[in-house]
């Protein structure tokens, strides 16, 4: 075997893709393409993208209801 073959395999298998994605996501972050607009984040992406809330009108959803139910039983 070649002594450098192991290092080349690690570079192309692990380090190369990591460095490539680090650069790509750094560019996307610098361009502001990784986050939604502030008003969409406040309003909620479910409402902005689908036109209705995902968890009912109170914003609590099923997790909130089951939590309140278990608190009421105690």
Protein backbone atom coordinates (compact mmCIF):
# COMPACT_ATOMS: atom_id res chain seq x y z
CA UNK A 1 0.00 0.00 0.00
CA UNK A 2 0.96 3.57 -0.46
CA UNK A 3 1.68 5.46 2.77
CA UNK A 4 -0.29 8.54 1.68
CA UNK A 5 -3.35 6.62 0.52
CA UNK A 6 -4.89 6.64 3.99
CA UNK A 7 -4.53 10.40 4.31
CA UNK A 8 -5.94 10.98 0.84
CA UNK A 9 -8.95 8.81 1.67
CA UNK A 10 -9.60 10.75 4.87
CA UNK A 11 -9.30 14.04 3.02
CA UNK A 12 -11.76 13.13 0.27
CA UNK A 13 -14.10 11.30 2.63
CA UNK A 14 -14.26 13.59 5.66
CA UNK A 15 -12.25 16.79 5.55
CA UNK A 16 -12.99 17.80 1.96
CA UNK A 17 -16.80 17.70 2.26
CA UNK A 18 -16.65 19.42 5.67
CA UNK A 19 -14.54 22.29 4.33
CA UNK A 20 -16.70 22.57 1.20
CA UNK A 21 -19.94 22.79 3.19
CA UNK A 22 -18.37 25.20 5.69
CA UNK A 23 -17.53 27.53 2.83
CA UNK A 24 -20.95 27.08 1.18
CA UNK A 25 -22.92 27.77 4.35
CA UNK A 26 -20.64 30.71 5.18
CA UNK A 27 -21.54 32.24 1.82
CA UNK A 28 -25.26 31.59 2.36
CA UNK A 29 -25.08 33.14 5.83
CA UNK A 30 -23.24 36.21 4.49
CA UNK A 31 -25.94 36.65 1.84
CA UNK A 32 -28.69 36.33 4.46
CA UNK A 33 -30.26 33.26 2.86
CA UNK A 34 -30.34 30.96 5.90
CA UNK A 35 -33.06 32.71 7.90
CA UNK A 36 -36.58 33.86 7.19
CA UNK A 37 -37.57 37.51 7.43
CA UNK A 38 -38.27 38.81 10.94
CA UNK A 39 -41.98 39.44 10.29
CA UNK A 40 -42.43 35.87 9.02
CA UNK A 41 -40.70 34.51 12.11
CA UNK A 42 -42.93 36.53 14.44
CA UNK A 43 -46.14 35.68 12.58
CA UNK A 44 -45.19 32.02 12.26
CA UNK A 45 -44.10 30.09 9.19
CA UNK A 46 -47.17 27.88 9.25
CA UNK A 47 -49.41 30.93 8.82
CA UNK A 48 -47.16 32.57 6.23
CA UNK A 49 -46.66 29.47 4.09
CA UNK A 50 -49.97 27.64 4.56
CA UNK A 51 -52.40 30.39 5.49
CA UNK A 52 -53.48 28.94 8.86
CA UNK A 53 -51.95 28.14 12.24
CA UNK A 54 -50.71 24.60 12.75
CA UNK A 55 -51.70 24.22 16.41
CA UNK A 56 -55.04 25.93 16.74
CA UNK A 57 -55.88 29.52 17.53
CA UNK A 58 -54.45 29.64 21.05
CA UNK A 59 -51.03 28.59 19.83
CA UNK A 60 -50.83 25.81 22.41
CA UNK A 61 -51.74 22.78 20.37
CA UNK A 62 -52.05 19.24 21.63
CA UNK A 63 -48.87 19.37 23.72
CA UNK A 64 -50.26 22.35 25.62
CA UNK A 65 -53.63 20.65 26.15
CA UNK A 66 -52.09 17.44 27.46
CA UNK A 67 -49.81 19.41 29.76
CA UNK A 68 -52.73 21.40 31.15
CA UNK A 69 -54.72 18.21 31.59
CA UNK A 70 -51.98 16.54 33.56
CA UNK A 71 -51.55 19.65 35.71
CA UNK A 72 -55.28 19.72 36.45
CA UNK A 73 -55.20 16.09 37.60
CA UNK A 74 -52.43 16.73 40.14
